[in-house]
Amino acid sequence: QVQLVESGGGLVQPGGSLRLSCAASGFIFSSYVMSWHRQAPGKERELVASISISGGTTSYVDSVKGRFTISRNNAKDTLYLQMNSLKPEDTAVYYCKAVRPSGVYWGRGTQVTVSA
């Protein structure tokens, strides 16, 4: 059974940090391009960051460049998102996604709230 389980969300003050994790099971994690997406209330889901199969190539939406870092550990079947200097506009449900030509998998999301 394919599963992507996000964790690490929560309430944090502006300027704070969180590290999200996405634990994968039921498929060959190391064969999939991985990404983080987020959806704020009343807004469409947006791509935040993506990482290649090897981890050697990453990309970010402009609004998080220099603050967020995506990484993966293929030995542990886990994807990460280190989020620093968080802003209220980063508040959203964060989802991880696995992609390859044969299929796409989504996690159920973890809530991140940035508020004083």
C-alpha atoms as a PDB file:
ATOM      1  CA  GLN A   1       0.000   0.000   0.000  1.00  0.00           C
ATOM      2  CA  VAL A   2       1.441   3.333  -1.079  1.00  0.00           C
ATOM      3  CA  GLN A   3       1.725   5.878   1.715  1.00  0.00           C
ATOM      4  CA  LEU A   4       3.179   9.347   2.076  1.00  0.00           C
ATOM      5  CA  VAL A   5       2.907  10.629   5.637  1.00  0.00           C
ATOM      6  CA  GLU A   6       3.840  14.208   6.423  1.00  0.00           C
ATOM      7  CA  SER A   7       4.834  15.353   9.915  1.00  0.00           C
ATOM      8  CA  GLY A   8       6.505  18.262  11.663  1.00  0.00           C
ATOM      9  CA  GLY A   9       3.889  20.943  11.158  1.00  0.00           C
ATOM     10  CA  GLY A  10       2.591  23.155  13.926  1.00  0.00           C
ATOM     11  CA  LEU A  11       2.259  26.678  15.238  1.00  0.00           C
ATOM     12  CA  VAL A  12       5.339  28.883  15.083  1.00  0.00           C
ATOM     13  CA  GLN A  13       6.002  32.581  15.553  1.00  0.00           C
ATOM     14  CA  PRO A  14       7.129  34.761  12.651  1.00  0.00           C
ATOM     15  CA  GLY A  15      10.853  34.366  12.150  1.00  0.00           C
ATOM     16  CA  GLY A  16      10.810  30.852  13.537  1.00  0.00           C
ATOM     17  CA  SER A  17      11.717  27.530  11.944  1.00  0.00           C
ATOM     18  CA  LEU A  18      10.105  24.167  11.294  1.00  0.00           C
ATOM     19  CA  ARG A  19      11.323  20.986   9.656  1.00  0.00           C
ATOM     20  CA  LEU A  20       8.758  18.946   7.781  1.00  0.00           C
ATOM     21  CA  SER A  21       9.249  15.266   7.029  1.00  0.00           C
ATOM     22  CA  CYS A  22       7.482  13.012   4.556  1.00  0.00           C
ATOM     23  CA  ALA A  23       7.863   9.278   5.167  1.00  0.00           C
ATOM     24  CA  ALA A  24       7.265   7.112   2.115  1.00  0.00           C
ATOM     25  CA  SER A  25       6.315   3.454   1.918  1.00  0.00           C
ATOM     26  CA  GLY A  26       4.838   1.002  -0.569  1.00  0.00           C
ATOM     27  CA  PHE A  27       6.830   2.207  -3.584  1.00  0.00           C
ATOM     28  CA  ILE A  28      10.416   2.711  -4.679  1.00  0.00           C
ATOM     29  CA  PHE A  29      11.047   6.152  -3.203  1.00  0.00           C
ATOM     30  CA  SER A  30      14.451   6.513  -4.855  1.00  0.00           C
ATOM     31  CA  SER A  31      12.840   6.295  -8.317  1.00  0.00           C
ATOM     32  CA  TYR A  32      10.544   9.266  -7.850  1.00  0.00           C
ATOM     33  CA  VAL A  33      10.999  12.997  -8.207  1.00  0.00           C
ATOM     34  CA  MET A  34       9.683  14.499  -4.987  1.00  0.00           C
ATOM     35  CA  SER A  35       8.159  17.853  -4.204  1.00  0.00           C
ATOM     36  CA  TRP A  36       6.465  19.902  -1.514  1.00  0.00           C
ATOM     37  CA  HIS A  37       3.288  21.820  -2.209  1.00  0.00           C
ATOM     38  CA  ARG A  38       1.121  24.008  -0.030  1.00  0.00           C
ATOM     39  CA  GLN A  39      -2.436  25.256   0.015  1.00  0.00           C
ATOM     40  CA  ALA A  40      -3.584  28.239   2.004  1.00  0.00           C
ATOM     41  CA  PRO A  41      -7.279  28.832   2.809  1.00  0.00           C
ATOM     42  CA  GLY A  42      -9.109  30.122  -0.250  1.00  0.00           C
ATOM     43  CA  LYS A  43      -6.111  29.666  -2.519  1.00  0.00           C
ATOM     44  CA  GLU A  44      -5.005  27.104  -5.049  1.00  0.00           C
ATOM     45  CA  ARG A  45      -2.367  24.534  -4.184  1.00  0.00           C
ATOM     46  CA  GLU A  46       1.077  25.726  -5.233  1.00  0.00           C
ATOM     47  CA  LEU A  47       4.421  24.069  -5.786  1.00  0.00           C
ATOM     48  CA  VAL A  48       6.914  25.125  -3.121  1.00  0.00           C
ATOM     49  CA  ALA A  49      10.022  23.078  -3.906  1.00  0.00           C
ATOM     50  CA  SER A  50      11.091  20.021  -5.847  1.00  0.00           C
ATOM     51  CA  ILE A  51      14.081  17.699  -5.791  1.00  0.00           C
ATOM     52  CA  SER A  52      15.495  15.286  -8.333  1.00  0.00           C
ATOM     53  CA  ILE A  53      15.831  11.549  -7.793  1.00  0.00           C
ATOM     54  CA  SER A  54      19.455  11.821  -6.703  1.00  0.00           C
ATOM     55  CA  GLY A  55      18.889  14.984  -4.712  1.00  0.00           C
ATOM     56  CA  GLY A  56      21.417  16.845  -6.801  1.00  0.00           C
ATOM     57  CA  THR A  57      18.947  19.264  -8.364  1.00  0.00           C
ATOM     58  CA  THR A  58      16.467  21.384  -6.460  1.00  0.00           C
ATOM     59  CA  SER A  59      14.134  24.218  -7.348  1.00  0.00           C
ATOM     60  CA  TYR A  60      12.010  26.651  -5.339  1.00  0.00           C
ATOM     61  CA  VAL A  61       9.189  29.075  -5.802  1.00  0.00           C
ATOM     62  CA  ASP A  62      10.533  32.617  -5.577  1.00  0.00           C
ATOM     63  CA  SER A  63       8.696  33.400  -2.348  1.00  0.00           C
ATOM     64  CA  VAL A  64      10.680  30.788  -0.370  1.00  0.00           C
ATOM     65  CA  LYS A  65      14.113  31.018  -2.010  1.00  0.00           C
ATOM     66  CA  GLY A  66      16.816  31.529   0.592  1.00  0.00           C
ATOM     67  CA  ARG A  67      14.495  30.482   3.433  1.00  0.00           C
ATOM     68  CA  PHE A  68      13.437  26.907   2.651  1.00  0.00           C
ATOM     69  CA  THR A  69      15.605  23.895   1.842  1.00  0.00           C
ATOM     70  CA  ILE A  70      14.320  20.663   0.354  1.00  0.00           C
ATOM     71  CA  SER A  71      16.298  17.460   0.828  1.00  0.00           C
ATOM     72  CA  ARG A  72      15.829  13.714   0.711  1.00  0.00           C
ATOM     73  CA  ASN A  73      17.332  10.600   2.238  1.00  0.00           C
ATOM     74  CA  ASN A  74      16.810   7.719  -0.166  1.00  0.00           C
ATOM     75  CA  ALA A  75      18.175   5.229   2.373  1.00  0.00           C
ATOM     76  CA  LYS A  76      15.410   6.240   4.782  1.00  0.00           C
ATOM     77  CA  ASP A  77      12.683   6.802   2.155  1.00  0.00           C
ATOM     78  CA  THR A  78      12.125  10.266   3.582  1.00  0.00           C
ATOM     79  CA  LEU A  79      11.701  13.754   2.150  1.00  0.00           C
ATOM     80  CA  TYR A  80      12.371  16.900   4.178  1.00  0.00           C
ATOM     81  CA  LEU A  81      11.604  20.598   4.048  1.00  0.00           C
ATOM     82  CA  GLN A  82      13.603  22.873   6.338  1.00  0.00           C
ATOM     83  CA  MET A  83      11.732  26.142   6.719  1.00  0.00           C
ATOM     84  CA  ASN A  84      13.482  29.134   8.270  1.00  0.00           C
ATOM     85  CA  SER A  85      12.513  32.776   8.717  1.00  0.00           C
ATOM     86  CA  LEU A  86       8.869  31.816   8.505  1.00  0.00           C
ATOM     87  CA  LYS A  87       6.315  34.458   7.641  1.00  0.00           C
ATOM     88  CA  PRO A  88       2.549  34.606   8.244  1.00  0.00           C
ATOM     89  CA  GLU A  89       2.035  34.152   4.494  1.00  0.00           C
ATOM     90  CA  ASP A  90       3.670  30.721   4.767  1.00  0.00           C
ATOM     91  CA  THR A  91       0.631  29.522   6.688  1.00  0.00           C
ATOM     92  CA  ALA A  92      -0.889  26.617   4.764  1.00  0.00           C
ATOM     93  CA  VAL A  93      -1.337  22.879   4.657  1.00  0.00           C
ATOM     94  CA  TYR A  94       1.873  21.385   3.276  1.00  0.00           C
ATOM     95  CA  TYR A  95       1.758  18.267   1.117  1.00  0.00           C
ATOM     96  CA  CYS A  96       4.460  16.033  -0.289  1.00  0.00           C
ATOM     97  CA  LYS A  97       4.159  14.525  -3.745  1.00  0.00           C
ATOM     98  CA  ALA A  98       5.921  11.701  -5.544  1.00  0.00           C
ATOM     99  CA  VAL A  99       6.056  11.741  -9.361  1.00  0.00           C
ATOM    100  CA  ARG A 100       7.246   9.488 -12.131  1.00  0.00           C
ATOM    101  CA  PRO A 101       5.756   8.725 -15.567  1.00  0.00           C
ATOM    102  CA  SER A 102       3.913   5.711 -14.169  1.00  0.00           C
ATOM    103  CA  GLY A 103       2.116   7.543 -11.407  1.00  0.00           C
ATOM    104  CA  VAL A 104       1.651  10.333  -8.903  1.00  0.00           C
ATOM    105  CA  TYR A 105       1.174   9.989  -5.143  1.00  0.00           C
ATOM    106  CA  TRP A 106       0.135  12.607  -2.609  1.00  0.00           C
ATOM    107  CA  GLY A 107       0.302  12.721   1.145  1.00  0.00           C
ATOM    108  CA  ARG A 108      -2.564  13.991   3.299  1.00  0.00           C
ATOM    109  CA  GLY A 109      -0.751  17.093   4.450  1.00  0.00           C
ATOM    110  CA  THR A 110       0.438  18.755   7.638  1.00  0.00           C
ATOM    111  CA  GLN A 111      -0.731  22.154   8.888  1.00  0.00           C
ATOM    112  CA  VAL A 112       1.789  24.956   9.300  1.00  0.00           C
ATOM    113  CA  THR A 113       0.576  28.102  11.046  1.00  0.00           C
ATOM    114  CA  VAL A 114       2.809  31.142  11.405  1.00  0.00           C
ATOM    115  CA  SER A 115       1.350  33.594  13.872  1.00  0.00           C
ATOM    116  CA  ALA A 116       2.340  35.744  16.817  1.00  0.00           C
END
